[in-house]
Every structure is written in C-alpha cells, then in structure tokens.
C-alpha cells in the first residue's frame, strides 16, 4: 500500500497505483474509508486493540478478547473547521494542560468473542453486541520531558505478544510479525 501511495502523485494518470491496490484489496479499502475523526485530546480518545488475545483461566479454559480503552471523560472529537484552526502540537499542548488539572482516567475493557468470531484476522470486526467486560482502570498523572521520553524510546521494545501467565496471543500471524519487527526496531534504536 505504501509503495502504491508513493507512486500515485498528482501527475500519474488513473487508475493510479493506489487505486489499483485498493481495488484489489477490499480490506485495505474498508480501513481507508473508515471515519477517523480527530480527537480533542489524547484524554478523550478511545483506543482499540485490533488483535485478539486468549485469556486462560486456572482450569485451562480459553476466552478470546480484544482490548478497548475508553476515556472516563468521554470520547470527544473535533469537527473539520476546529481541527483546521489547531497547531501541529495541539494534542501535546492540550494533554499538558489537562494533566496539570489532575489525572486522566481510562477504563480498560475486553470485548469477548462469541462462537463464530474470527480471532486470527485483525481486519474482521466483531459485532458491537458482543459482551464487554471491564477489566480495570488506569490513570495518567504526569508526562515525561522530551529528553526523558527519547531516552525511554531507545530502550523500549513495544512487544505486542503478551509474555505473562494467563494471557496468550491468538493465531493472528500479524502478532508474530509485529513482534519480530519491533525487536529489530528496538535493536536499531539502541544502536543509534
């Protein structure tokens, strides 16, 4: 998709490479066409885990879930005109101001798969009617400075595969691929 996009400049006649790519990849087309309104704040944005994970209880029973993190302040987005008036750093600036007034809270939810739900393909949505359970809450009460954040980024590997008892990846091949790429990225950042 990125190669097709990069070779689809304004002077390229139709059908452009990106048009051909999206025409032959309907799952990518759905993603591109899905509405993506800009948030008022990182503290008013909801976050969706796209991959399924297995929760395994003490008896070995497996339950597939997808994570969903919801702001306690509610989901608030900006309209196009309001977004156009924002600076490039509006999200960071707003977050700093918001945290100075108190912690930002989020609920950690799990959407539970029902019989027939696909658990090994992140492009297939589960029904909104699936059961949802609240797993807990988190709060963000401070921000790292730019220097602190850069130091942490050099040593952190954003491994999407859970490595704790009772939580396992689904059979989605995207998880192992992401884990491998993030490991390479971590090594390169440490070397930089």
N, C-alpha and C. Protein backbone atom coordinates (compact mmCIF):
# COMPACT_ATOMS: atom_id res chain seq x y z
N UNK A 1 0.83 -1.19 0.00
CA UNK A 1 0.00 0.00 0.00
C UNK A 1 0.87 1.25 0.00
N UNK A 2 1.95 1.25 0.82
CA UNK A 2 2.81 2.42 0.88
C UNK A 2 3.53 2.66 -0.44
N UNK A 3 3.95 1.58 -1.10
CA UNK A 3 4.59 1.74 -2.42
C UNK A 3 3.59 2.31 -3.43
N UNK A 4 2.36 1.79 -3.40
CA UNK A 4 1.33 2.28 -4.32
C UNK A 4 1.03 3.75 -4.06
N UNK A 5 0.95 4.13 -2.80
CA UNK A 5 0.69 5.51 -2.44
C UNK A 5 1.84 6.42 -2.90
N UNK A 6 3.07 5.98 -2.68
CA UNK A 6 4.24 6.77 -3.04
C UNK A 6 4.36 7.00 -4.54
N UNK A 7 3.81 6.11 -5.34
CA UNK A 7 3.91 6.24 -6.80
C UNK A 7 2.62 6.75 -7.43
N UNK A 8 1.76 7.35 -6.62
CA UNK A 8 0.46 7.83 -7.12
C UNK A 8 0.33 9.34 -7.04
N UNK A 9 1.34 10.04 -7.49
CA UNK A 9 1.33 11.50 -7.45
C UNK A 9 0.25 12.11 -8.32
N UNK A 10 0.11 13.43 -8.25
CA UNK A 10 -0.96 14.11 -8.99
C UNK A 10 -0.83 14.00 -10.50
N UNK A 11 0.39 13.78 -11.00
CA UNK A 11 0.60 13.69 -12.45
C UNK A 11 0.43 12.28 -13.00
N UNK A 12 0.17 11.32 -12.13
CA UNK A 12 0.01 9.92 -12.56
C UNK A 12 -1.43 9.73 -13.04
N UNK A 13 -1.61 9.20 -14.24
CA UNK A 13 -2.98 9.00 -14.74
C UNK A 13 -3.71 7.89 -13.99
N UNK A 14 -5.04 7.99 -14.00
CA UNK A 14 -5.88 6.95 -13.39
C UNK A 14 -6.03 5.80 -14.36
N UNK A 15 -6.12 4.60 -13.88
CA UNK A 15 -6.10 4.28 -12.45
C UNK A 15 -4.68 4.32 -11.89
N UNK A 16 -4.51 5.11 -10.83
CA UNK A 16 -3.22 5.26 -10.16
C UNK A 16 -2.89 3.96 -9.43
N UNK A 17 -1.63 3.75 -9.09
CA UNK A 17 -1.27 2.54 -8.34
C UNK A 17 -2.07 2.36 -7.05
N UNK A 18 -2.35 3.46 -6.34
CA UNK A 18 -3.12 3.32 -5.10
C UNK A 18 -4.56 2.90 -5.40
N UNK A 19 -5.11 3.40 -6.49
CA UNK A 19 -6.47 2.99 -6.87
C UNK A 19 -6.50 1.50 -7.23
N UNK A 20 -5.50 1.04 -7.95
CA UNK A 20 -5.44 -0.38 -8.29
C UNK A 20 -5.25 -1.23 -7.03
N UNK A 21 -4.38 -0.76 -6.12
CA UNK A 21 -4.15 -1.50 -4.89
C UNK A 21 -5.44 -1.62 -4.08
N UNK A 22 -6.12 -0.51 -3.86
CA UNK A 22 -7.34 -0.54 -3.06
C UNK A 22 -8.44 -1.32 -3.76
N UNK A 23 -8.46 -1.28 -5.08
CA UNK A 23 -9.44 -2.06 -5.83
C UNK A 23 -9.24 -3.56 -5.70
N UNK A 24 -8.01 -3.97 -5.47
CA UNK A 24 -7.74 -5.41 -5.35
C UNK A 24 -7.54 -5.85 -3.90
N UNK A 25 -7.66 -4.93 -2.95
CA UNK A 25 -7.52 -5.24 -1.53
C UNK A 25 -8.68 -4.62 -0.75
N UNK A 26 -9.84 -5.27 -0.77
CA UNK A 26 -11.02 -4.67 -0.15
C UNK A 26 -10.88 -4.41 1.35
N UNK A 27 -10.08 -5.19 2.06
CA UNK A 27 -9.91 -4.94 3.50
C UNK A 27 -9.17 -3.62 3.72
N UNK A 28 -8.19 -3.33 2.88
CA UNK A 28 -7.47 -2.06 2.98
C UNK A 28 -8.41 -0.91 2.63
N UNK A 29 -9.27 -1.10 1.64
CA UNK A 29 -10.22 -0.06 1.25
C UNK A 29 -11.16 0.27 2.40
N UNK A 30 -11.64 -0.74 3.11
CA UNK A 30 -12.52 -0.51 4.26
C UNK A 30 -11.79 0.36 5.29
N UNK A 31 -10.53 0.04 5.57
CA UNK A 31 -9.77 0.81 6.54
C UNK A 31 -9.59 2.27 6.08
N UNK A 32 -9.26 2.46 4.83
CA UNK A 32 -9.05 3.81 4.31
C UNK A 32 -10.34 4.63 4.37
N UNK A 33 -11.48 4.00 4.12
CA UNK A 33 -12.75 4.72 4.09
C UNK A 33 -13.39 4.89 5.47
N UNK A 34 -12.88 4.16 6.48
CA UNK A 34 -13.46 4.23 7.83
C UNK A 34 -13.25 5.63 8.40
N UNK A 35 -14.29 6.27 8.98
CA UNK A 35 -14.12 7.62 9.53
C UNK A 35 -13.06 7.64 10.64
N UNK A 36 -12.24 8.67 10.63
CA UNK A 36 -11.19 8.82 11.64
C UNK A 36 -11.19 10.26 12.16
N UNK A 37 -12.21 10.62 12.93
CA UNK A 37 -12.27 12.00 13.42
C UNK A 37 -11.11 12.29 14.38
N UNK A 38 -10.62 13.51 14.33
CA UNK A 38 -9.50 13.92 15.20
C UNK A 38 -10.02 14.13 16.62
N UNK A 39 -9.27 13.66 17.62
CA UNK A 39 -9.72 13.84 19.00
C UNK A 39 -9.46 15.25 19.51
N UNK A 40 -10.25 15.67 20.47
CA UNK A 40 -9.99 16.91 21.18
C UNK A 40 -8.69 16.77 21.97
N UNK A 41 -8.48 15.56 22.50
CA UNK A 41 -7.35 15.31 23.38
C UNK A 41 -7.00 13.83 23.34
N UNK A 42 -5.75 13.51 23.68
CA UNK A 42 -5.43 12.10 23.90
C UNK A 42 -6.26 11.56 25.06
N UNK A 43 -6.71 12.43 25.94
CA UNK A 43 -7.52 12.04 27.08
C UNK A 43 -8.99 11.91 26.77
N UNK A 44 -9.39 12.19 25.52
CA UNK A 44 -10.79 11.99 25.10
C UNK A 44 -10.86 11.10 23.87
N UNK A 45 -9.82 10.34 23.67
CA UNK A 45 -9.75 9.42 22.53
C UNK A 45 -9.92 8.00 23.04
N UNK A 46 -10.63 7.17 22.27
CA UNK A 46 -10.72 5.75 22.62
C UNK A 46 -9.69 4.98 21.80
N UNK A 47 -9.22 3.91 22.39
CA UNK A 47 -8.16 3.13 21.76
C UNK A 47 -8.65 1.69 21.62
N UNK A 48 -8.48 1.14 20.43
CA UNK A 48 -8.96 -0.20 20.11
C UNK A 48 -7.78 -1.13 19.84
N UNK A 49 -7.76 -2.24 20.52
CA UNK A 49 -6.81 -3.28 20.17
C UNK A 49 -7.39 -4.06 19.00
N UNK A 50 -6.65 -4.19 17.94
CA UNK A 50 -7.20 -4.86 16.76
C UNK A 50 -7.01 -6.37 16.80
N UNK A 51 -5.98 -6.83 17.51
CA UNK A 51 -5.71 -8.26 17.56
C UNK A 51 -6.47 -8.91 18.70
N UNK A 52 -6.82 -10.16 18.52
CA UNK A 52 -7.44 -10.94 19.59
C UNK A 52 -6.36 -11.57 20.45
N UNK A 53 -6.68 -11.73 21.72
CA UNK A 53 -5.81 -12.41 22.66
C UNK A 53 -6.62 -13.47 23.41
N UNK A 54 -5.92 -14.46 23.94
CA UNK A 54 -6.55 -15.52 24.72
C UNK A 54 -6.31 -15.26 26.19
N UNK A 55 -7.41 -15.23 26.95
CA UNK A 55 -7.29 -15.25 28.40
C UNK A 55 -7.52 -16.69 28.81
N UNK A 56 -6.64 -17.22 29.64
CA UNK A 56 -6.69 -18.63 30.02
C UNK A 56 -6.85 -18.72 31.53
N UNK A 57 -7.98 -19.31 31.98
CA UNK A 57 -8.20 -19.39 33.42
C UNK A 57 -7.45 -20.58 34.02
N UNK A 58 -7.56 -20.73 35.33
CA UNK A 58 -6.79 -21.75 36.06
C UNK A 58 -7.10 -23.16 35.60
N UNK A 59 -8.32 -23.38 35.07
CA UNK A 59 -8.67 -24.72 34.59
C UNK A 59 -8.27 -24.95 33.14
N UNK A 60 -7.71 -23.92 32.49
CA UNK A 60 -7.27 -24.05 31.10
C UNK A 60 -8.30 -23.58 30.09
N UNK A 61 -9.45 -23.08 30.55
CA UNK A 61 -10.48 -22.58 29.63
C UNK A 61 -9.97 -21.30 28.96
N UNK A 62 -10.11 -21.26 27.62
CA UNK A 62 -9.65 -20.11 26.84
C UNK A 62 -10.82 -19.23 26.43
N UNK A 63 -10.65 -17.92 26.60
CA UNK A 63 -11.63 -16.94 26.18
C UNK A 63 -10.91 -15.90 25.34
N UNK A 64 -11.37 -15.70 24.12
CA UNK A 64 -10.74 -14.70 23.25
C UNK A 64 -11.36 -13.33 23.50
N UNK A 65 -10.49 -12.33 23.54
CA UNK A 65 -10.95 -10.96 23.75
C UNK A 65 -10.16 -10.01 22.84
N UNK A 66 -10.71 -8.82 22.68
CA UNK A 66 -9.98 -7.69 22.10
C UNK A 66 -10.10 -6.54 23.08
N UNK A 67 -8.98 -5.88 23.31
CA UNK A 67 -8.96 -4.77 24.26
C UNK A 67 -9.58 -3.52 23.66
N UNK A 68 -10.22 -2.74 24.54
CA UNK A 68 -10.80 -1.46 24.17
C UNK A 68 -10.59 -0.54 25.36
N UNK A 69 -9.93 0.58 25.16
CA UNK A 69 -9.64 1.51 26.25
C UNK A 69 -10.45 2.78 26.00
N UNK A 70 -11.26 3.15 27.00
CA UNK A 70 -12.22 4.24 26.85
C UNK A 70 -11.93 5.33 27.89
N UNK A 71 -11.87 6.59 27.46
CA UNK A 71 -11.59 7.67 28.40
C UNK A 71 -12.78 7.91 29.35
N UNK A 72 -12.49 8.11 30.63
CA UNK A 72 -13.57 8.39 31.57
C UNK A 72 -14.19 9.76 31.32
N UNK A 73 -13.47 10.65 30.65
CA UNK A 73 -14.00 11.98 30.31
C UNK A 73 -14.96 11.91 29.12
N UNK A 74 -15.05 10.76 28.49
CA UNK A 74 -15.89 10.61 27.30
C UNK A 74 -15.08 10.80 26.03
N UNK A 75 -15.63 10.30 24.94
CA UNK A 75 -14.99 10.44 23.63
C UNK A 75 -15.44 11.76 23.03
N UNK A 76 -14.48 12.64 22.76
CA UNK A 76 -14.79 13.97 22.21
C UNK A 76 -13.88 14.20 21.01
N UNK A 77 -14.48 14.52 19.87
CA UNK A 77 -13.70 14.75 18.65
C UNK A 77 -13.92 16.18 18.15
N UNK A 78 -13.08 16.58 17.21
CA UNK A 78 -13.16 17.92 16.64
C UNK A 78 -13.79 17.87 15.25
N UNK A 79 -14.55 18.89 14.92
CA UNK A 79 -15.05 18.99 13.55
C UNK A 79 -13.93 19.53 12.66
N UNK A 80 -14.13 19.48 11.38
CA UNK A 80 -13.08 19.84 10.41
C UNK A 80 -12.61 21.28 10.59
N UNK A 81 -13.53 22.21 10.80
CA UNK A 81 -13.16 23.62 10.94
C UNK A 81 -12.34 23.85 12.21
N UNK A 82 -12.73 23.24 13.31
CA UNK A 82 -11.99 23.39 14.57
C UNK A 82 -10.61 22.77 14.44
N UNK A 83 -10.53 21.61 13.80
CA UNK A 83 -9.24 20.96 13.61
C UNK A 83 -8.31 21.83 12.77
N UNK A 84 -8.83 22.47 11.73
CA UNK A 84 -8.01 23.30 10.85
C UNK A 84 -7.39 24.47 11.60
N UNK A 85 -8.01 24.92 12.69
CA UNK A 85 -7.50 26.05 13.46
C UNK A 85 -6.45 25.63 14.50
N UNK A 86 -6.18 24.34 14.65
CA UNK A 86 -5.25 23.85 15.66
C UNK A 86 -3.80 23.91 15.16
N UNK A 87 -2.87 24.00 16.10
CA UNK A 87 -1.45 23.94 15.77
C UNK A 87 -1.05 22.47 15.61
N UNK A 88 0.13 22.24 15.06
CA UNK A 88 0.62 20.86 14.91
C UNK A 88 0.84 20.18 16.26
N UNK A 89 1.05 20.96 17.31
CA UNK A 89 1.31 20.39 18.64
C UNK A 89 0.09 20.46 19.56
N UNK A 90 -1.10 20.66 19.01
CA UNK A 90 -2.27 20.86 19.86
C UNK A 90 -2.53 19.69 20.80
N UNK A 91 -2.30 18.46 20.35
CA UNK A 91 -2.58 17.31 21.21
C UNK A 91 -1.61 17.29 22.41
N UNK A 92 -0.34 17.52 22.18
CA UNK A 92 0.63 17.56 23.29
C UNK A 92 0.33 18.73 24.21
N UNK A 93 0.05 19.90 23.64
CA UNK A 93 -0.24 21.09 24.45
C UNK A 93 -1.50 20.87 25.30
N UNK A 94 -2.52 20.31 24.71
CA UNK A 94 -3.77 20.08 25.44
C UNK A 94 -3.55 19.05 26.54
N UNK A 95 -2.78 18.01 26.26
CA UNK A 95 -2.51 16.97 27.24
C UNK A 95 -1.77 17.54 28.45
N UNK A 96 -0.78 18.39 28.21
CA UNK A 96 -0.04 19.02 29.30
C UNK A 96 -0.98 19.85 30.17
N UNK A 97 -1.84 20.64 29.55
CA UNK A 97 -2.79 21.46 30.31
C UNK A 97 -3.79 20.58 31.07
N UNK A 98 -4.26 19.52 30.45
CA UNK A 98 -5.25 18.64 31.08
C UNK A 98 -4.65 17.95 32.31
N UNK A 99 -3.44 17.44 32.18
CA UNK A 99 -2.81 16.73 33.30
C UNK A 99 -2.48 17.68 34.45
N UNK A 100 -2.21 18.94 34.13
CA UNK A 100 -1.91 19.90 35.20
C UNK A 100 -3.13 20.11 36.11
N UNK A 101 -4.32 19.76 35.63
CA UNK A 101 -5.55 19.90 36.42
C UNK A 101 -5.92 18.62 37.16
N UNK A 102 -5.21 17.52 36.86
CA UNK A 102 -5.49 16.26 37.53
C UNK A 102 -5.29 15.09 36.59
N UNK A 103 -5.31 13.87 37.14
CA UNK A 103 -5.07 12.68 36.31
C UNK A 103 -6.14 12.49 35.24
N UNK A 104 -5.72 11.81 34.17
CA UNK A 104 -6.63 11.43 33.09
C UNK A 104 -6.93 9.95 33.27
N UNK A 105 -8.21 9.61 33.31
CA UNK A 105 -8.59 8.22 33.55
C UNK A 105 -9.09 7.51 32.31
N UNK A 106 -8.87 6.21 32.31
CA UNK A 106 -9.34 5.34 31.23
C UNK A 106 -9.86 4.04 31.82
N UNK A 107 -10.91 3.50 31.24
CA UNK A 107 -11.39 2.17 31.57
C UNK A 107 -10.78 1.18 30.59
N UNK A 108 -10.30 0.06 31.09
CA UNK A 108 -9.79 -1.00 30.23
C UNK A 108 -10.89 -2.04 30.10
N UNK A 109 -11.38 -2.19 28.89
CA UNK A 109 -12.47 -3.11 28.60
C UNK A 109 -11.97 -4.27 27.75
N UNK A 110 -12.72 -5.35 27.81
CA UNK A 110 -12.44 -6.50 26.94
C UNK A 110 -13.73 -6.86 26.22
N UNK A 111 -13.70 -6.80 24.89
CA UNK A 111 -14.81 -7.29 24.09
C UNK A 111 -14.59 -8.79 23.93
N UNK A 112 -15.59 -9.57 24.31
CA UNK A 112 -15.45 -11.03 24.34
C UNK A 112 -15.96 -11.63 23.03
N UNK A 113 -15.16 -12.52 22.47
CA UNK A 113 -15.56 -13.20 21.24
C UNK A 113 -16.71 -14.17 21.55
N UNK A 114 -17.60 -14.31 20.59
CA UNK A 114 -18.66 -15.31 20.70
C UNK A 114 -18.40 -16.38 19.64
N UNK A 115 -19.11 -17.48 19.74
CA UNK A 115 -18.92 -18.56 18.77
C UNK A 115 -19.02 -18.02 17.35
N UNK A 116 -18.07 -18.38 16.53
CA UNK A 116 -18.05 -17.96 15.13
C UNK A 116 -17.22 -16.73 14.86
N UNK A 117 -16.83 -15.98 15.90
CA UNK A 117 -15.99 -14.80 15.67
C UNK A 117 -14.60 -15.23 15.20
N UNK A 118 -14.08 -14.50 14.24
CA UNK A 118 -12.74 -14.77 13.71
C UNK A 118 -11.73 -14.16 14.68
N UNK A 119 -10.77 -14.97 15.13
CA UNK A 119 -9.78 -14.49 16.10
C UNK A 119 -8.37 -14.39 15.53
N UNK A 120 -8.21 -14.78 14.26
CA UNK A 120 -6.86 -14.76 13.68
C UNK A 120 -6.74 -13.81 12.50
N UNK A 121 -7.62 -12.81 12.43
CA UNK A 121 -7.59 -11.84 11.34
C UNK A 121 -8.07 -10.50 11.89
N UNK A 122 -7.14 -9.57 12.11
CA UNK A 122 -7.46 -8.28 12.72
C UNK A 122 -8.35 -7.40 11.85
N UNK A 123 -8.51 -7.73 10.59
CA UNK A 123 -9.34 -6.90 9.70
C UNK A 123 -10.82 -7.20 9.82
N UNK A 124 -11.17 -8.26 10.53
CA UNK A 124 -12.58 -8.63 10.66
C UNK A 124 -13.11 -8.14 12.00
N UNK A 125 -14.09 -7.25 11.93
CA UNK A 125 -14.67 -6.66 13.14
C UNK A 125 -15.62 -7.66 13.80
N UNK A 126 -15.69 -7.58 15.13
CA UNK A 126 -16.69 -8.34 15.87
C UNK A 126 -17.91 -7.44 16.07
N UNK A 127 -19.05 -8.06 16.27
CA UNK A 127 -20.30 -7.31 16.42
C UNK A 127 -20.26 -6.44 17.68
N UNK A 128 -20.84 -5.25 17.58
CA UNK A 128 -20.93 -4.37 18.74
C UNK A 128 -21.75 -4.98 19.86
N UNK A 129 -22.57 -5.97 19.53
CA UNK A 129 -23.42 -6.61 20.54
C UNK A 129 -22.67 -7.67 21.36
N UNK A 130 -21.41 -7.96 21.00
CA UNK A 130 -20.63 -8.92 21.79
C UNK A 130 -20.53 -8.43 23.24
N UNK A 131 -20.44 -9.37 24.18
CA UNK A 131 -20.28 -8.95 25.58
C UNK A 131 -19.01 -8.14 25.78
N UNK A 132 -19.08 -7.17 26.67
CA UNK A 132 -17.94 -6.34 27.04
C UNK A 132 -17.83 -6.37 28.56
N UNK A 133 -16.62 -6.64 29.04
CA UNK A 133 -16.41 -6.63 30.49
C UNK A 133 -15.34 -5.59 30.83
N UNK A 134 -15.47 -4.99 31.99
CA UNK A 134 -14.47 -4.03 32.45
C UNK A 134 -13.40 -4.78 33.21
N UNK A 135 -12.15 -4.60 32.79
CA UNK A 135 -11.03 -5.27 33.44
C UNK A 135 -10.40 -4.42 34.53
N UNK A 136 -10.52 -3.11 34.40
CA UNK A 136 -9.91 -2.22 35.38
C UNK A 136 -9.80 -0.81 34.84
N UNK A 137 -9.03 -0.01 35.51
CA UNK A 137 -8.83 1.38 35.10
C UNK A 137 -7.34 1.72 35.18
N UNK A 138 -6.97 2.73 34.43
CA UNK A 138 -5.62 3.29 34.54
C UNK A 138 -5.74 4.80 34.57
N UNK A 139 -4.72 5.43 35.14
CA UNK A 139 -4.67 6.89 35.15
C UNK A 139 -3.30 7.35 34.66
N UNK A 140 -3.32 8.45 33.94
CA UNK A 140 -2.09 9.11 33.52
C UNK A 140 -2.02 10.40 34.35
N UNK A 141 -0.98 10.52 35.17
CA UNK A 141 -0.91 11.67 36.06
C UNK A 141 0.31 12.56 35.84
N UNK A 142 1.16 12.18 34.89
CA UNK A 142 2.32 13.02 34.58
C UNK A 142 2.82 12.66 33.18
N UNK A 143 3.63 13.54 32.67
CA UNK A 143 4.26 13.34 31.36
C UNK A 143 5.77 13.38 31.53
N UNK A 144 6.44 12.60 30.72
CA UNK A 144 7.89 12.66 30.68
C UNK A 144 8.30 13.90 29.88
N UNK A 145 9.48 14.42 30.20
CA UNK A 145 10.00 15.50 29.38
C UNK A 145 10.41 14.90 28.03
N UNK A 146 10.64 15.74 27.08
CA UNK A 146 11.07 15.27 25.75
C UNK A 146 12.35 14.44 25.86
N UNK A 147 13.29 14.91 26.68
CA UNK A 147 14.56 14.20 26.85
C UNK A 147 14.34 12.83 27.50
N UNK A 148 13.49 12.78 28.54
CA UNK A 148 13.20 11.51 29.21
C UNK A 148 12.52 10.54 28.25
N UNK A 149 11.58 11.06 27.47
CA UNK A 149 10.85 10.21 26.53
C UNK A 149 11.79 9.63 25.47
N UNK A 150 12.70 10.44 24.96
CA UNK A 150 13.65 9.95 23.96
C UNK A 150 14.55 8.87 24.54
N UNK A 151 14.99 9.02 25.78
CA UNK A 151 15.83 8.01 26.42
C UNK A 151 15.07 6.69 26.57
N UNK A 152 13.82 6.77 26.96
CA UNK A 152 13.00 5.56 27.13
C UNK A 152 12.76 4.89 25.78
N UNK A 153 12.51 5.70 24.75
CA UNK A 153 12.25 5.14 23.42
C UNK A 153 13.44 4.35 22.89
N UNK A 154 14.65 4.72 23.28
CA UNK A 154 15.84 4.00 22.79
C UNK A 154 15.93 2.58 23.35
N UNK A 155 15.32 2.34 24.50
CA UNK A 155 15.47 1.04 25.14
C UNK A 155 14.19 0.21 25.19
N UNK A 156 13.08 0.77 24.76
CA UNK A 156 11.80 0.07 24.85
C UNK A 156 11.51 -0.71 23.58
N UNK A 157 11.03 -1.93 23.76
CA UNK A 157 10.54 -2.73 22.64
C UNK A 157 9.04 -2.87 22.84
N UNK A 158 8.26 -2.41 21.90
CA UNK A 158 6.82 -2.44 22.00
C UNK A 158 6.29 -3.80 21.54
N UNK A 159 6.54 -4.80 22.35
CA UNK A 159 6.20 -6.18 22.01
C UNK A 159 4.69 -6.39 22.13
N UNK A 160 4.01 -6.73 21.05
CA UNK A 160 2.57 -6.94 21.11
C UNK A 160 2.17 -8.32 21.65
N UNK A 161 3.15 -9.19 21.83
CA UNK A 161 2.84 -10.55 22.30
C UNK A 161 2.93 -10.57 23.82
N UNK A 162 1.82 -10.90 24.50
CA UNK A 162 1.87 -10.93 25.96
C UNK A 162 2.81 -12.03 26.45
N UNK A 163 3.58 -11.72 27.45
CA UNK A 163 4.54 -12.68 27.97
C UNK A 163 4.30 -12.90 29.46
N UNK A 164 3.00 -13.06 29.80
CA UNK A 164 2.63 -13.29 31.19
C UNK A 164 1.69 -14.49 31.27
N UNK A 165 1.72 -15.22 32.37
CA UNK A 165 0.83 -16.37 32.50
C UNK A 165 -0.64 -15.95 32.43
N UNK A 166 -1.43 -16.74 31.73
CA UNK A 166 -2.86 -16.48 31.64
C UNK A 166 -3.29 -15.62 30.47
N UNK A 167 -2.33 -15.04 29.76
CA UNK A 167 -2.64 -14.23 28.58
C UNK A 167 -1.74 -14.73 27.45
N UNK A 168 -2.35 -15.06 26.32
CA UNK A 168 -1.59 -15.59 25.19
C UNK A 168 -2.07 -14.92 23.90
N UNK A 169 -1.21 -14.90 22.89
CA UNK A 169 -1.64 -14.35 21.60
C UNK A 169 -2.63 -15.28 20.92
N UNK A 170 -3.42 -14.73 20.05
CA UNK A 170 -4.26 -15.54 19.17
C UNK A 170 -3.36 -16.08 18.06
N UNK A 171 -3.95 -16.77 17.10
CA UNK A 171 -3.19 -17.29 15.97
C UNK A 171 -3.05 -16.28 14.83
N UNK A 172 -3.34 -15.01 15.11
CA UNK A 172 -3.21 -13.96 14.10
C UNK A 172 -1.73 -13.82 13.73
N UNK A 173 -1.35 -14.09 12.49
CA UNK A 173 0.07 -14.01 12.10
C UNK A 173 0.63 -12.60 12.22
N UNK A 174 -0.23 -11.61 12.25
CA UNK A 174 0.22 -10.23 12.38
C UNK A 174 0.96 -10.01 13.70
N UNK A 175 0.55 -10.71 14.77
CA UNK A 175 1.19 -10.53 16.06
C UNK A 175 2.66 -10.93 16.04
N UNK A 176 2.96 -12.09 15.53
CA UNK A 176 4.36 -12.54 15.49
C UNK A 176 5.18 -11.67 14.55
N UNK A 177 4.59 -11.23 13.44
CA UNK A 177 5.31 -10.36 12.52
C UNK A 177 5.62 -9.03 13.19
N UNK A 178 4.63 -8.45 13.90
CA UNK A 178 4.87 -7.19 14.60
C UNK A 178 5.93 -7.36 15.67
N UNK A 179 5.88 -8.48 16.42
CA UNK A 179 6.88 -8.72 17.46
C UNK A 179 8.29 -8.75 16.86
N UNK A 180 8.45 -9.41 15.73
CA UNK A 180 9.76 -9.51 15.08
C UNK A 180 10.24 -8.14 14.60
N UNK A 181 9.35 -7.36 14.01
CA UNK A 181 9.72 -6.04 13.50
C UNK A 181 10.07 -5.10 14.65
N UNK A 182 9.28 -5.15 15.74
CA UNK A 182 9.56 -4.28 16.87
C UNK A 182 10.89 -4.65 17.53
N UNK A 183 11.27 -5.91 17.52
CA UNK A 183 12.56 -6.32 18.06
C UNK A 183 13.69 -5.72 17.22
N UNK A 184 13.56 -5.78 15.90
CA UNK A 184 14.55 -5.18 15.01
C UNK A 184 14.62 -3.67 15.26
N UNK A 185 13.47 -3.03 15.36
CA UNK A 185 13.42 -1.60 15.61
C UNK A 185 14.10 -1.24 16.92
N UNK A 186 13.84 -2.02 17.97
CA UNK A 186 14.47 -1.77 19.26
C UNK A 186 15.97 -1.88 19.20
N UNK A 187 16.48 -2.87 18.51
CA UNK A 187 17.92 -3.04 18.35
C UNK A 187 18.52 -1.85 17.61
N UNK A 188 17.85 -1.37 16.57
CA UNK A 188 18.36 -0.24 15.80
C UNK A 188 18.34 1.05 16.63
N UNK A 189 17.29 1.24 17.44
CA UNK A 189 17.23 2.44 18.27
C UNK A 189 18.32 2.42 19.34
N UNK A 190 18.57 1.25 19.91
CA UNK A 190 19.64 1.16 20.91
C UNK A 190 20.99 1.47 20.29
N UNK A 191 21.21 1.05 19.05
CA UNK A 191 22.48 1.27 18.38
C UNK A 191 22.66 2.73 17.96
N UNK A 192 21.56 3.45 17.82
CA UNK A 192 21.63 4.84 17.33
C UNK A 192 22.21 5.78 18.37
